[in-house]
Amino acid sequence: MPSASQIQPRKTPRQGRSRASYEAILTAAAQILERQGAAGLSTNTVAERAGVSIGTLYQYFPGKEAIAAELVRRIKAQLLADLSQALEEARGLSMREAAEIMLAASIRHHARAPELSRELERIEELLPLDPETEAVAANIHAALGALLAGYGVAEPAVAARDLTALSKGMVHAALFAGETDLARIEARLLPAVLGYLGLDPGERCARRG
């Protein structure tokens, strides 16, 4: 496992040209992960695809682990944004409706780039969590716990952790098995989430028809 220093960018560019090179490196890495998986990721292949010199790449990242870690940070931050928006949509609705909205937001997050999500989930398991990533995870749990507390769910912090683990485990298993039909994954996951909350999985939600 790489050390914490090996997964941090060397610097974050602020000027236009440098920022463009930085973003090109991350875009190239994401494309390689989508098409070739983690086995195809190297600093040389990333630099070549990004159209930058290997020296330029090393100005910003100490190695491929740091590039992958930055992609993980970004996808986690996007997940928090997606769930925060879903929380706003769920305010004032029934617990069942809120559960469906939150789950759909999580699934849509993966739907943006399922192959990339799958590879980054694999890579995340091999990287030490840095404070930024830990903070994002804590914010997600806190927001979900607050939502559950509003519905009178017992031990909402525990329930938030359980539901996160349940959803993450099933989505991971499906993605790692090569599934990309996220609607099918959601159809299997929703009854598990509703059952955990003590709701009837067979009852149709009036809001969604």
N, C-alpha and C. Protein backbone atom coordinates (compact mmCIF):
# COMPACT_ATOMS: atom_id res chain seq x y z
N MET A 1 0.85 -1.19 0.00
CA MET A 1 0.00 0.00 0.00
C MET A 1 0.88 1.24 0.00
N PRO A 2 0.57 2.23 -0.86
CA PRO A 2 1.38 3.45 -0.87
C PRO A 2 1.21 4.24 0.41
N SER A 3 2.20 5.07 0.73
CA SER A 3 2.11 5.91 1.92
C SER A 3 1.22 7.11 1.64
N ALA A 4 0.87 7.84 2.70
CA ALA A 4 -0.01 9.00 2.54
C ALA A 4 0.62 10.05 1.63
N SER A 5 1.94 10.22 1.72
CA SER A 5 2.60 11.23 0.90
C SER A 5 2.58 10.85 -0.59
N GLN A 6 2.50 9.57 -0.87
CA GLN A 6 2.52 9.11 -2.26
C GLN A 6 1.19 9.30 -2.98
N ILE A 7 0.13 9.64 -2.25
CA ILE A 7 -1.17 9.82 -2.89
C ILE A 7 -1.59 11.29 -2.92
N GLN A 8 -0.68 12.19 -2.58
CA GLN A 8 -0.98 13.61 -2.62
C GLN A 8 -0.34 14.26 -3.84
N PRO A 9 -1.06 15.16 -4.53
CA PRO A 9 -0.42 15.91 -5.62
C PRO A 9 0.76 16.71 -5.09
N ARG A 10 1.76 16.90 -5.92
CA ARG A 10 2.91 17.72 -5.51
C ARG A 10 2.51 19.19 -5.43
N LYS A 11 1.66 19.62 -6.35
CA LYS A 11 1.17 21.00 -6.32
C LYS A 11 -0.11 21.07 -7.12
N THR A 12 -0.90 22.08 -6.83
CA THR A 12 -2.13 22.32 -7.58
C THR A 12 -1.95 23.59 -8.40
N PRO A 13 -2.00 23.50 -9.70
CA PRO A 13 -1.75 24.68 -10.54
C PRO A 13 -2.88 25.69 -10.44
N ARG A 14 -2.53 26.96 -10.64
CA ARG A 14 -3.52 28.03 -10.55
C ARG A 14 -3.64 28.82 -11.85
N GLN A 15 -2.61 28.80 -12.67
CA GLN A 15 -2.65 29.54 -13.92
C GLN A 15 -3.27 28.70 -15.03
N GLY A 16 -3.80 29.36 -16.06
CA GLY A 16 -4.58 28.68 -17.08
C GLY A 16 -3.86 27.55 -17.78
N ARG A 17 -2.65 27.79 -18.27
CA ARG A 17 -1.95 26.76 -19.03
C ARG A 17 -1.60 25.57 -18.14
N SER A 18 -1.10 25.85 -16.94
CA SER A 18 -0.76 24.77 -16.02
C SER A 18 -2.00 23.99 -15.60
N ARG A 19 -3.09 24.72 -15.38
CA ARG A 19 -4.34 24.06 -14.99
C ARG A 19 -4.83 23.14 -16.11
N ALA A 20 -4.66 23.58 -17.36
CA ALA A 20 -5.09 22.75 -18.49
C ALA A 20 -4.29 21.46 -18.55
N SER A 21 -2.98 21.54 -18.28
CA SER A 21 -2.14 20.33 -18.28
C SER A 21 -2.56 19.40 -17.16
N TYR A 22 -2.83 19.97 -16.00
CA TYR A 22 -3.25 19.19 -14.83
C TYR A 22 -4.55 18.44 -15.13
N GLU A 23 -5.52 19.15 -15.70
CA GLU A 23 -6.80 18.52 -16.02
C GLU A 23 -6.65 17.49 -17.12
N ALA A 24 -5.76 17.75 -18.08
CA ALA A 24 -5.53 16.78 -19.16
C ALA A 24 -4.97 15.48 -18.61
N ILE A 25 -4.11 15.57 -17.61
CA ILE A 25 -3.53 14.38 -16.98
C ILE A 25 -4.64 13.55 -16.32
N LEU A 26 -5.52 14.22 -15.58
CA LEU A 26 -6.59 13.51 -14.88
C LEU A 26 -7.60 12.92 -15.88
N THR A 27 -7.91 13.66 -16.94
CA THR A 27 -8.83 13.15 -17.95
C THR A 27 -8.24 11.93 -18.64
N ALA A 28 -6.96 12.00 -18.97
CA ALA A 28 -6.30 10.87 -19.62
C ALA A 28 -6.30 9.64 -18.72
N ALA A 29 -6.01 9.84 -17.43
CA ALA A 29 -6.01 8.72 -16.49
C ALA A 29 -7.38 8.08 -16.38
N ALA A 30 -8.43 8.91 -16.34
CA ALA A 30 -9.80 8.38 -16.27
C ALA A 30 -10.13 7.57 -17.51
N GLN A 31 -9.73 8.04 -18.67
CA GLN A 31 -9.99 7.32 -19.92
C GLN A 31 -9.25 5.98 -19.95
N ILE A 32 -8.03 5.96 -19.47
CA ILE A 32 -7.27 4.71 -19.43
C ILE A 32 -7.93 3.72 -18.48
N LEU A 33 -8.35 4.19 -17.32
CA LEU A 33 -9.01 3.30 -16.36
C LEU A 33 -10.30 2.73 -16.94
N GLU A 34 -11.06 3.56 -17.65
CA GLU A 34 -12.31 3.09 -18.25
C GLU A 34 -12.06 2.02 -19.29
N ARG A 35 -11.02 2.18 -20.10
CA ARG A 35 -10.82 1.30 -21.26
C ARG A 35 -9.89 0.12 -20.98
N GLN A 36 -8.92 0.32 -20.08
CA GLN A 36 -7.93 -0.72 -19.84
C GLN A 36 -7.88 -1.20 -18.40
N GLY A 37 -8.55 -0.50 -17.50
CA GLY A 37 -8.50 -0.87 -16.10
C GLY A 37 -7.21 -0.40 -15.45
N ALA A 38 -7.07 -0.70 -14.16
CA ALA A 38 -5.91 -0.26 -13.40
C ALA A 38 -4.61 -0.81 -13.96
N ALA A 39 -4.65 -1.98 -14.57
CA ALA A 39 -3.44 -2.60 -15.11
C ALA A 39 -2.82 -1.74 -16.22
N GLY A 40 -3.64 -0.94 -16.89
CA GLY A 40 -3.12 -0.13 -17.98
C GLY A 40 -2.63 1.24 -17.55
N LEU A 41 -2.77 1.54 -16.26
CA LEU A 41 -2.42 2.87 -15.77
C LEU A 41 -0.95 2.95 -15.39
N SER A 42 -0.24 3.86 -16.02
CA SER A 42 1.15 4.15 -15.65
C SER A 42 1.40 5.61 -15.96
N THR A 43 2.44 6.16 -15.37
CA THR A 43 2.74 7.58 -15.63
C THR A 43 3.06 7.80 -17.11
N ASN A 44 3.73 6.85 -17.72
CA ASN A 44 4.07 7.00 -19.14
C ASN A 44 2.83 7.00 -20.04
N THR A 45 1.91 6.06 -19.80
CA THR A 45 0.71 6.00 -20.64
C THR A 45 -0.18 7.22 -20.41
N VAL A 46 -0.23 7.69 -19.17
CA VAL A 46 -1.04 8.88 -18.88
C VAL A 46 -0.45 10.10 -19.58
N ALA A 47 0.87 10.29 -19.45
CA ALA A 47 1.51 11.45 -20.08
C ALA A 47 1.32 11.43 -21.59
N GLU A 48 1.50 10.26 -22.19
CA GLU A 48 1.35 10.14 -23.64
C GLU A 48 -0.07 10.49 -24.07
N ARG A 49 -1.06 9.96 -23.38
CA ARG A 49 -2.45 10.21 -23.75
C ARG A 49 -2.83 11.67 -23.49
N ALA A 50 -2.27 12.25 -22.44
CA ALA A 50 -2.60 13.64 -22.09
C ALA A 50 -1.89 14.63 -23.00
N GLY A 51 -0.88 14.17 -23.71
CA GLY A 51 -0.13 15.07 -24.58
C GLY A 51 0.81 15.98 -23.82
N VAL A 52 1.32 15.49 -22.69
CA VAL A 52 2.29 16.26 -21.90
C VAL A 52 3.55 15.43 -21.73
N SER A 53 4.64 16.09 -21.38
CA SER A 53 5.87 15.35 -21.12
C SER A 53 5.80 14.66 -19.77
N ILE A 54 6.60 13.62 -19.61
CA ILE A 54 6.62 12.93 -18.33
C ILE A 54 7.12 13.86 -17.23
N GLY A 55 8.01 14.81 -17.60
CA GLY A 55 8.49 15.78 -16.63
C GLY A 55 7.38 16.68 -16.14
N THR A 56 6.49 17.08 -17.06
CA THR A 56 5.34 17.90 -16.67
C THR A 56 4.44 17.14 -15.71
N LEU A 57 4.18 15.88 -16.02
CA LEU A 57 3.34 15.07 -15.14
C LEU A 57 3.94 15.01 -13.73
N TYR A 58 5.25 14.78 -13.65
CA TYR A 58 5.89 14.66 -12.34
C TYR A 58 5.96 15.98 -11.60
N GLN A 59 5.74 17.09 -12.27
CA GLN A 59 5.64 18.36 -11.56
C GLN A 59 4.43 18.37 -10.63
N TYR A 60 3.38 17.64 -11.05
CA TYR A 60 2.12 17.68 -10.31
C TYR A 60 1.86 16.43 -9.47
N PHE A 61 2.33 15.29 -9.94
CA PHE A 61 2.02 14.03 -9.25
C PHE A 61 3.29 13.20 -9.08
N PRO A 62 3.51 12.62 -7.88
CA PRO A 62 4.70 11.80 -7.67
C PRO A 62 4.61 10.43 -8.34
N GLY A 63 3.42 9.99 -8.71
CA GLY A 63 3.26 8.69 -9.34
C GLY A 63 1.82 8.43 -9.70
N LYS A 64 1.57 7.25 -10.26
CA LYS A 64 0.21 6.92 -10.70
C LYS A 64 -0.76 6.83 -9.53
N GLU A 65 -0.26 6.47 -8.33
CA GLU A 65 -1.14 6.36 -7.17
C GLU A 65 -1.76 7.72 -6.82
N ALA A 66 -0.95 8.76 -6.92
CA ALA A 66 -1.45 10.10 -6.61
C ALA A 66 -2.50 10.55 -7.63
N ILE A 67 -2.30 10.17 -8.89
CA ILE A 67 -3.28 10.51 -9.93
C ILE A 67 -4.60 9.79 -9.64
N ALA A 68 -4.51 8.51 -9.34
CA ALA A 68 -5.73 7.74 -9.04
C ALA A 68 -6.42 8.27 -7.79
N ALA A 69 -5.63 8.64 -6.78
CA ALA A 69 -6.21 9.15 -5.54
C ALA A 69 -6.97 10.45 -5.79
N GLU A 70 -6.44 11.30 -6.66
CA GLU A 70 -7.13 12.55 -6.97
C GLU A 70 -8.46 12.27 -7.67
N LEU A 71 -8.49 11.27 -8.53
CA LEU A 71 -9.75 10.89 -9.17
C LEU A 71 -10.74 10.36 -8.13
N VAL A 72 -10.26 9.60 -7.15
CA VAL A 72 -11.12 9.10 -6.08
C VAL A 72 -11.70 10.27 -5.29
N ARG A 73 -10.85 11.26 -4.95
CA ARG A 73 -11.32 12.42 -4.20
C ARG A 73 -12.44 13.14 -4.97
N ARG A 74 -12.23 13.28 -6.25
CA ARG A 74 -13.23 14.00 -7.05
C ARG A 74 -14.55 13.25 -7.12
N ILE A 75 -14.49 11.95 -7.28
CA ILE A 75 -15.74 11.19 -7.40
C ILE A 75 -16.47 11.15 -6.07
N LYS A 76 -15.71 11.16 -4.95
CA LYS A 76 -16.34 11.21 -3.63
C LYS A 76 -17.01 12.56 -3.40
N ALA A 77 -16.34 13.63 -3.80
CA ALA A 77 -16.92 14.96 -3.65
C ALA A 77 -18.19 15.09 -4.49
N GLN A 78 -18.19 14.50 -5.69
CA GLN A 78 -19.38 14.53 -6.53
C GLN A 78 -20.52 13.73 -5.90
N LEU A 79 -20.18 12.59 -5.26
CA LEU A 79 -21.20 11.81 -4.58
C LEU A 79 -21.85 12.62 -3.46
N LEU A 80 -21.03 13.34 -2.69
CA LEU A 80 -21.57 14.18 -1.62
C LEU A 80 -22.50 15.23 -2.19
N ALA A 81 -22.11 15.84 -3.32
CA ALA A 81 -22.97 16.85 -3.95
C ALA A 81 -24.28 16.24 -4.44
N ASP A 82 -24.21 15.05 -5.03
CA ASP A 82 -25.41 14.38 -5.52
C ASP A 82 -26.37 14.06 -4.36
N LEU A 83 -25.81 13.55 -3.26
CA LEU A 83 -26.65 13.17 -2.12
C LEU A 83 -27.20 14.40 -1.41
N SER A 84 -26.42 15.48 -1.38
CA SER A 84 -26.91 16.72 -0.77
C SER A 84 -28.12 17.26 -1.54
N GLN A 85 -28.06 17.19 -2.86
CA GLN A 85 -29.19 17.61 -3.67
C GLN A 85 -30.39 16.72 -3.43
N ALA A 86 -30.14 15.40 -3.30
CA ALA A 86 -31.24 14.47 -3.04
C ALA A 86 -31.88 14.73 -1.69
N LEU A 87 -31.07 15.10 -0.70
CA LEU A 87 -31.61 15.42 0.62
C LEU A 87 -32.58 16.60 0.54
N GLU A 88 -32.23 17.60 -0.26
CA GLU A 88 -33.13 18.74 -0.42
C GLU A 88 -34.43 18.30 -1.06
N GLU A 89 -34.35 17.41 -2.05
CA GLU A 89 -35.55 16.91 -2.72
C GLU A 89 -36.42 16.08 -1.78
N ALA A 90 -35.79 15.42 -0.81
CA ALA A 90 -36.51 14.50 0.07
C ALA A 90 -37.20 15.19 1.24
N ARG A 91 -36.89 16.45 1.48
CA ARG A 91 -37.47 17.16 2.63
C ARG A 91 -38.99 17.20 2.52
N GLY A 92 -39.66 16.80 3.62
CA GLY A 92 -41.10 16.85 3.69
C GLY A 92 -41.81 15.65 3.09
N LEU A 93 -41.07 14.71 2.52
CA LEU A 93 -41.69 13.53 1.93
C LEU A 93 -41.70 12.38 2.92
N SER A 94 -42.40 11.30 2.57
CA SER A 94 -42.43 10.12 3.43
C SER A 94 -41.07 9.45 3.44
N MET A 95 -40.85 8.58 4.45
CA MET A 95 -39.57 7.90 4.54
C MET A 95 -39.33 7.02 3.32
N ARG A 96 -40.37 6.39 2.83
CA ARG A 96 -40.22 5.55 1.64
C ARG A 96 -39.78 6.37 0.44
N GLU A 97 -40.46 7.52 0.24
CA GLU A 97 -40.11 8.38 -0.88
C GLU A 97 -38.67 8.89 -0.74
N ALA A 98 -38.31 9.26 0.48
CA ALA A 98 -36.94 9.75 0.73
C ALA A 98 -35.92 8.66 0.45
N ALA A 99 -36.22 7.43 0.87
CA ALA A 99 -35.29 6.32 0.64
C ALA A 99 -35.10 6.08 -0.85
N GLU A 100 -36.18 6.14 -1.62
CA GLU A 100 -36.08 5.93 -3.06
C GLU A 100 -35.28 7.05 -3.73
N ILE A 101 -35.50 8.28 -3.29
CA ILE A 101 -34.77 9.42 -3.87
C ILE A 101 -33.28 9.31 -3.58
N MET A 102 -32.93 8.97 -2.32
CA MET A 102 -31.52 8.87 -1.95
C MET A 102 -30.83 7.74 -2.70
N LEU A 103 -31.52 6.61 -2.80
CA LEU A 103 -30.93 5.47 -3.49
C LEU A 103 -30.76 5.78 -4.98
N ALA A 104 -31.77 6.40 -5.57
CA ALA A 104 -31.68 6.75 -6.99
C ALA A 104 -30.52 7.70 -7.25
N ALA A 105 -30.29 8.64 -6.32
CA ALA A 105 -29.17 9.58 -6.48
C ALA A 105 -27.84 8.85 -6.44
N SER A 106 -27.73 7.88 -5.54
CA SER A 106 -26.50 7.11 -5.44
C SER A 106 -26.26 6.30 -6.72
N ILE A 107 -27.32 5.70 -7.24
CA ILE A 107 -27.20 4.92 -8.46
C ILE A 107 -26.87 5.82 -9.65
N ARG A 108 -27.51 6.98 -9.73
CA ARG A 108 -27.22 7.92 -10.83
C ARG A 108 -25.77 8.36 -10.79
N HIS A 109 -25.24 8.49 -9.59
CA HIS A 109 -23.84 8.88 -9.44
C HIS A 109 -22.94 7.87 -10.16
N HIS A 110 -23.20 6.59 -9.95
CA HIS A 110 -22.41 5.56 -10.61
C HIS A 110 -22.71 5.49 -12.11
N ALA A 111 -23.94 5.90 -12.50
CA ALA A 111 -24.34 5.79 -13.90
C ALA A 111 -23.58 6.75 -14.80
N ARG A 112 -23.01 7.81 -14.23
CA ARG A 112 -22.28 8.77 -15.06
C ARG A 112 -21.14 8.09 -15.82
N ALA A 113 -20.44 7.22 -15.14
CA ALA A 113 -19.31 6.52 -15.76
C ALA A 113 -19.11 5.21 -15.02
N PRO A 114 -19.95 4.21 -15.30
CA PRO A 114 -19.92 2.96 -14.51
C PRO A 114 -18.58 2.24 -14.55
N GLU A 115 -17.92 2.22 -15.71
CA GLU A 115 -16.63 1.52 -15.78
C GLU A 115 -15.58 2.23 -14.94
N LEU A 116 -15.57 3.56 -15.01
CA LEU A 116 -14.62 4.33 -14.19
C LEU A 116 -14.93 4.16 -12.71
N SER A 117 -16.20 4.20 -12.35
CA SER A 117 -16.59 4.01 -10.95
C SER A 117 -16.10 2.66 -10.44
N ARG A 118 -16.27 1.64 -11.26
CA ARG A 118 -15.85 0.30 -10.87
C ARG A 118 -14.35 0.25 -10.60
N GLU A 119 -13.56 0.84 -11.50
CA GLU A 119 -12.11 0.81 -11.32
C GLU A 119 -11.67 1.64 -10.12
N LEU A 120 -12.30 2.79 -9.91
CA LEU A 120 -11.92 3.63 -8.78
C LEU A 120 -12.32 2.99 -7.45
N GLU A 121 -13.43 2.25 -7.44
CA GLU A 121 -13.81 1.53 -6.22
C GLU A 121 -12.75 0.49 -5.87
N ARG A 122 -12.25 -0.18 -6.89
CA ARG A 122 -11.18 -1.17 -6.66
C ARG A 122 -9.92 -0.48 -6.11
N ILE A 123 -9.54 0.60 -6.77
CA ILE A 123 -8.33 1.30 -6.37
C ILE A 123 -8.45 1.87 -4.96
N GLU A 124 -9.62 2.38 -4.62
CA GLU A 124 -9.82 2.98 -3.30
C GLU A 124 -9.50 2.00 -2.17
N GLU A 125 -9.82 0.74 -2.41
CA GLU A 125 -9.56 -0.27 -1.38
C GLU A 125 -8.06 -0.44 -1.11
N LEU A 126 -7.23 -0.03 -2.05
CA LEU A 126 -5.78 -0.21 -1.93
C LEU A 126 -5.05 1.05 -1.48
N LEU A 127 -5.80 2.15 -1.31
CA LEU A 127 -5.18 3.42 -0.95
C LEU A 127 -5.49 3.79 0.49
N PRO A 128 -4.55 4.41 1.20
CA PRO A 128 -4.87 4.91 2.54
C PRO A 128 -5.78 6.12 2.43
N LEU A 129 -6.83 6.17 3.24
CA LEU A 129 -7.74 7.31 3.19
C LEU A 129 -7.03 8.54 3.74
N ASP A 130 -7.10 9.65 3.01
CA ASP A 130 -6.52 10.88 3.52
C ASP A 130 -7.62 11.67 4.24
N PRO A 131 -7.24 12.70 5.02
CA PRO A 131 -8.25 13.45 5.80
C PRO A 131 -9.39 14.00 4.95
N GLU A 132 -9.08 14.44 3.73
CA GLU A 132 -10.11 15.00 2.86
C GLU A 132 -11.16 13.96 2.52
N THR A 133 -10.72 12.77 2.14
CA THR A 133 -11.65 11.71 1.77
C THR A 133 -12.44 11.24 2.99
N GLU A 134 -11.77 11.14 4.14
CA GLU A 134 -12.45 10.75 5.37
C GLU A 134 -13.52 11.77 5.73
N ALA A 135 -13.23 13.06 5.52
CA ALA A 135 -14.19 14.11 5.85
C ALA A 135 -15.42 14.00 4.96
N VAL A 136 -15.23 13.70 3.69
CA VAL A 136 -16.37 13.55 2.77
C VAL A 136 -17.24 12.38 3.22
N ALA A 137 -16.60 11.25 3.57
CA ALA A 137 -17.36 10.09 4.04
C ALA A 137 -18.13 10.41 5.31
N ALA A 138 -17.49 11.16 6.22
CA ALA A 138 -18.16 11.53 7.47
C ALA A 138 -19.35 12.44 7.20
N ASN A 139 -19.21 13.36 6.25
CA ASN A 139 -20.31 14.26 5.91
C ASN A 139 -21.49 13.50 5.31
N ILE A 140 -21.20 12.49 4.50
CA ILE A 140 -22.26 11.68 3.91
C ILE A 140 -23.02 10.93 5.00
N HIS A 141 -22.29 10.33 5.94
CA HIS A 141 -22.93 9.60 7.03
C HIS A 141 -23.75 10.53 7.91
N ALA A 142 -23.19 11.71 8.20
CA ALA A 142 -23.90 12.66 9.06
C ALA A 142 -25.20 13.14 8.42
N ALA A 143 -25.15 13.43 7.12
CA ALA A 143 -26.35 13.90 6.42
C ALA A 143 -27.42 12.81 6.38
N LEU A 144 -27.00 11.59 6.11
CA LEU A 144 -27.96 10.48 6.08
C LEU A 144 -28.52 10.21 7.47
N GLY A 145 -27.66 10.27 8.49
CA GLY A 145 -28.12 10.06 9.86
C GLY A 145 -29.14 11.10 10.28
N ALA A 146 -28.92 12.36 9.91
CA ALA A 146 -29.86 13.42 10.25
C ALA A 146 -31.21 13.18 9.57
N LEU A 147 -31.18 12.72 8.32
CA LEU A 147 -32.42 12.42 7.61
C LEU A 147 -33.19 11.31 8.31
N LEU A 148 -32.49 10.24 8.68
CA LEU A 148 -33.15 9.11 9.35
C LEU A 148 -33.68 9.51 10.72
N ALA A 149 -32.94 10.35 11.43
CA ALA A 149 -33.41 10.81 12.74
C ALA A 149 -34.72 11.56 12.61
N GLY A 150 -34.89 12.29 11.54
CA GLY A 150 -36.12 13.03 11.32
C GLY A 150 -37.34 12.14 11.14
N TYR A 151 -37.11 10.89 10.76
CA TYR A 151 -38.20 9.92 10.62
C TYR A 151 -38.35 9.03 11.85
N GLY A 152 -37.59 9.33 12.89
CA GLY A 152 -37.70 8.57 14.12
C GLY A 152 -37.03 7.21 14.08
N VAL A 153 -36.10 7.01 13.15
CA VAL A 153 -35.38 5.74 13.08
C VAL A 153 -34.48 5.59 14.30
N ALA A 154 -34.55 4.43 14.95
CA ALA A 154 -33.73 4.18 16.12
C ALA A 154 -32.25 4.15 15.74
N GLU A 155 -31.41 4.71 16.58
CA GLU A 155 -29.96 4.76 16.35
C GLU A 155 -29.65 5.18 14.90
N PRO A 156 -30.00 6.39 14.54
CA PRO A 156 -29.86 6.82 13.15
C PRO A 156 -28.42 6.78 12.63
N ALA A 157 -27.45 7.04 13.49
CA ALA A 157 -26.05 6.99 13.04
C ALA A 157 -25.67 5.57 12.63
N VAL A 158 -26.13 4.59 13.44
CA VAL A 158 -25.86 3.19 13.12
C VAL A 158 -26.59 2.80 11.85
N ALA A 159 -27.86 3.22 11.74
CA ALA A 159 -28.64 2.89 10.54
C ALA A 159 -28.00 3.50 9.29
N ALA A 160 -27.49 4.73 9.41
CA ALA A 160 -26.83 5.37 8.27
C ALA A 160 -25.61 4.57 7.84
N ARG A 161 -24.84 4.11 8.83
CA ARG A 161 -23.65 3.32 8.52
C ARG A 161 -24.05 2.00 7.87
N ASP A 162 -25.08 1.35 8.42
CA ASP A 162 -25.52 0.07 7.87
C ASP A 162 -26.02 0.22 6.44
N LEU A 163 -26.84 1.22 6.21
CA LEU A 163 -27.41 1.41 4.88
C LEU A 163 -26.34 1.78 3.86
N THR A 164 -25.36 2.57 4.30
CA THR A 164 -24.26 2.92 3.40
C THR A 164 -23.47 1.67 3.03
N ALA A 165 -23.19 0.84 4.04
CA ALA A 165 -22.44 -0.40 3.80
C ALA A 165 -23.24 -1.36 2.91
N LEU A 166 -24.54 -1.45 3.16
CA LEU A 166 -25.40 -2.31 2.36
C LEU A 166 -25.39 -1.88 0.90
N SER A 167 -25.62 -0.59 0.68
CA SER A 167 -25.67 -0.08 -0.69
C SER A 167 -24.31 -0.22 -1.37
N LYS A 168 -23.27 0.19 -0.65
CA LYS A 168 -21.93 0.13 -1.23
C LYS A 168 -21.54 -1.31 -1.55
N GLY A 169 -21.85 -2.23 -0.65
CA GLY A 169 -21.49 -3.63 -0.86
C GLY A 169 -22.16 -4.22 -2.08
N MET A 170 -23.46 -3.98 -2.23
CA MET A 170 -24.18 -4.55 -3.37
C MET A 170 -23.76 -3.90 -4.68
N VAL A 171 -23.56 -2.58 -4.66
CA VAL A 171 -23.14 -1.90 -5.89
C VAL A 171 -21.73 -2.34 -6.27
N HIS A 172 -20.84 -2.42 -5.27
CA HIS A 172 -19.48 -2.89 -5.54
C HIS A 172 -19.49 -4.28 -6.15
N ALA A 173 -20.25 -5.19 -5.53
CA ALA A 173 -20.27 -6.57 -6.00
C ALA A 173 -20.74 -6.63 -7.45
N ALA A 174 -21.78 -5.84 -7.76
CA ALA A 174 -22.31 -5.83 -9.12
C ALA A 174 -21.31 -5.25 -10.11
N LEU A 175 -20.71 -4.11 -9.74
CA LEU A 175 -19.75 -3.48 -10.63
C LEU A 175 -18.52 -4.35 -10.84
N PHE A 176 -18.03 -4.96 -9.76
CA PHE A 176 -16.85 -5.81 -9.87
C PHE A 176 -17.12 -7.05 -10.69
N ALA A 177 -18.40 -7.47 -10.74
CA ALA A 177 -18.78 -8.63 -11.56
C ALA A 177 -18.95 -8.24 -13.03
N GLY A 178 -18.81 -6.96 -13.31
CA GLY A 178 -18.90 -6.51 -14.69
C GLY A 178 -20.25 -5.97 -15.10
N GLU A 179 -21.19 -5.83 -14.17
CA GLU A 179 -22.51 -5.30 -14.51
C GLU A 179 -22.42 -3.81 -14.80
N THR A 180 -23.13 -3.36 -15.80
CA THR A 180 -23.22 -1.94 -16.11
C THR A 180 -24.67 -1.45 -16.21
N ASP A 181 -25.63 -2.37 -16.11
CA ASP A 181 -27.04 -2.00 -16.13
C ASP A 181 -27.44 -1.58 -14.72
N LEU A 182 -27.33 -0.29 -14.43
CA LEU A 182 -27.55 0.19 -13.07
C LEU A 182 -29.01 0.17 -12.68
N ALA A 183 -29.93 0.17 -13.64
CA ALA A 183 -31.35 0.05 -13.31
C ALA A 183 -31.63 -1.31 -12.67
N ARG A 184 -30.98 -2.35 -13.18
CA ARG A 184 -31.15 -3.69 -12.60
C ARG A 184 -30.56 -3.75 -11.19
N ILE A 185 -29.43 -3.09 -11.01
CA ILE A 185 -28.82 -3.06 -9.67
C ILE A 185 -29.76 -2.36 -8.69
N GLU A 186 -30.33 -1.23 -9.11
CA GLU A 186 -31.25 -0.50 -8.24
C GLU A 186 -32.48 -1.34 -7.91
N ALA A 187 -32.99 -2.09 -8.89
CA ALA A 187 -34.18 -2.92 -8.66
C ALA A 187 -33.92 -3.98 -7.60
N ARG A 188 -32.68 -4.47 -7.50
CA ARG A 188 -32.34 -5.46 -6.47
C ARG A 188 -32.04 -4.80 -5.13
N LEU A 189 -31.47 -3.62 -5.18
CA LEU A 189 -31.04 -2.96 -3.95
C LEU A 189 -32.18 -2.31 -3.20
N LEU A 190 -33.15 -1.75 -3.92
CA LEU A 190 -34.25 -1.04 -3.27
C LEU A 190 -35.00 -1.90 -2.25
N PRO A 191 -35.40 -3.14 -2.58
CA PRO A 191 -36.10 -3.95 -1.56
C PRO A 191 -35.27 -4.18 -0.31
N ALA A 192 -33.95 -4.30 -0.47
CA ALA A 192 -33.09 -4.51 0.70
C ALA A 192 -33.09 -3.28 1.59
N VAL A 193 -33.01 -2.10 0.99
CA VAL A 193 -33.01 -0.86 1.76
C VAL A 193 -34.36 -0.67 2.45
N LEU A 194 -35.45 -0.87 1.71
CA LEU A 194 -36.78 -0.70 2.30
C LEU A 194 -37.02 -1.71 3.42
N GLY A 195 -36.58 -2.95 3.20
CA GLY A 195 -36.74 -3.96 4.24
C GLY A 195 -35.98 -3.60 5.49
N TYR A 196 -34.79 -3.07 5.37
CA TYR A 196 -34.01 -2.65 6.54
C TYR A 196 -34.76 -1.59 7.34
N LEU A 197 -35.44 -0.69 6.61
CA LEU A 197 -36.16 0.39 7.27
C LEU A 197 -37.53 -0.04 7.78
N GLY A 198 -37.88 -1.31 7.61
CA GLY A 198 -39.15 -1.82 8.09
C GLY A 198 -40.32 -1.47 7.19
N LEU A 199 -40.04 -1.13 5.94
CA LEU A 199 -41.09 -0.79 4.98
C LEU A 199 -41.36 -1.97 4.06
N ASP A 200 -42.56 -2.04 3.54
CA ASP A 200 -42.96 -3.14 2.68
C ASP A 200 -42.35 -2.96 1.29
N PRO A 201 -41.40 -3.81 0.90
CA PRO A 201 -40.77 -3.65 -0.42
C PRO A 201 -41.74 -3.83 -1.57
N GLY A 202 -42.86 -4.53 -1.34
CA GLY A 202 -43.81 -4.79 -2.41
C GLY A 202 -44.78 -3.66 -2.65
N GLU A 203 -44.83 -2.70 -1.73
CA GLU A 203 -45.77 -1.58 -1.88
C GLU A 203 -45.20 -0.56 -2.87
N ARG A 204 -46.02 -0.13 -3.80
CA ARG A 204 -45.58 0.84 -4.77
C ARG A 204 -45.60 2.23 -4.17
N CYS A 205 -44.61 3.02 -4.52
CA CYS A 205 -44.55 4.40 -4.05
C CYS A 205 -45.46 5.25 -4.93
N ALA A 206 -46.42 5.94 -4.32
CA ALA A 206 -47.38 6.73 -5.09
C ALA A 206 -46.68 7.82 -5.89
N ARG A 207 -45.61 8.39 -5.33
CA ARG A 207 -44.92 9.47 -5.99
C ARG A 207 -44.26 9.04 -7.29
N ARG A 208 -43.79 7.78 -7.33
CA ARG A 208 -43.07 7.29 -8.52
C ARG A 208 -43.94 6.38 -9.38
N GLY A 209 -45.17 6.14 -8.93
CA GLY A 209 -46.09 5.34 -9.75
C GLY A 209 -45.88 3.88 -9.54
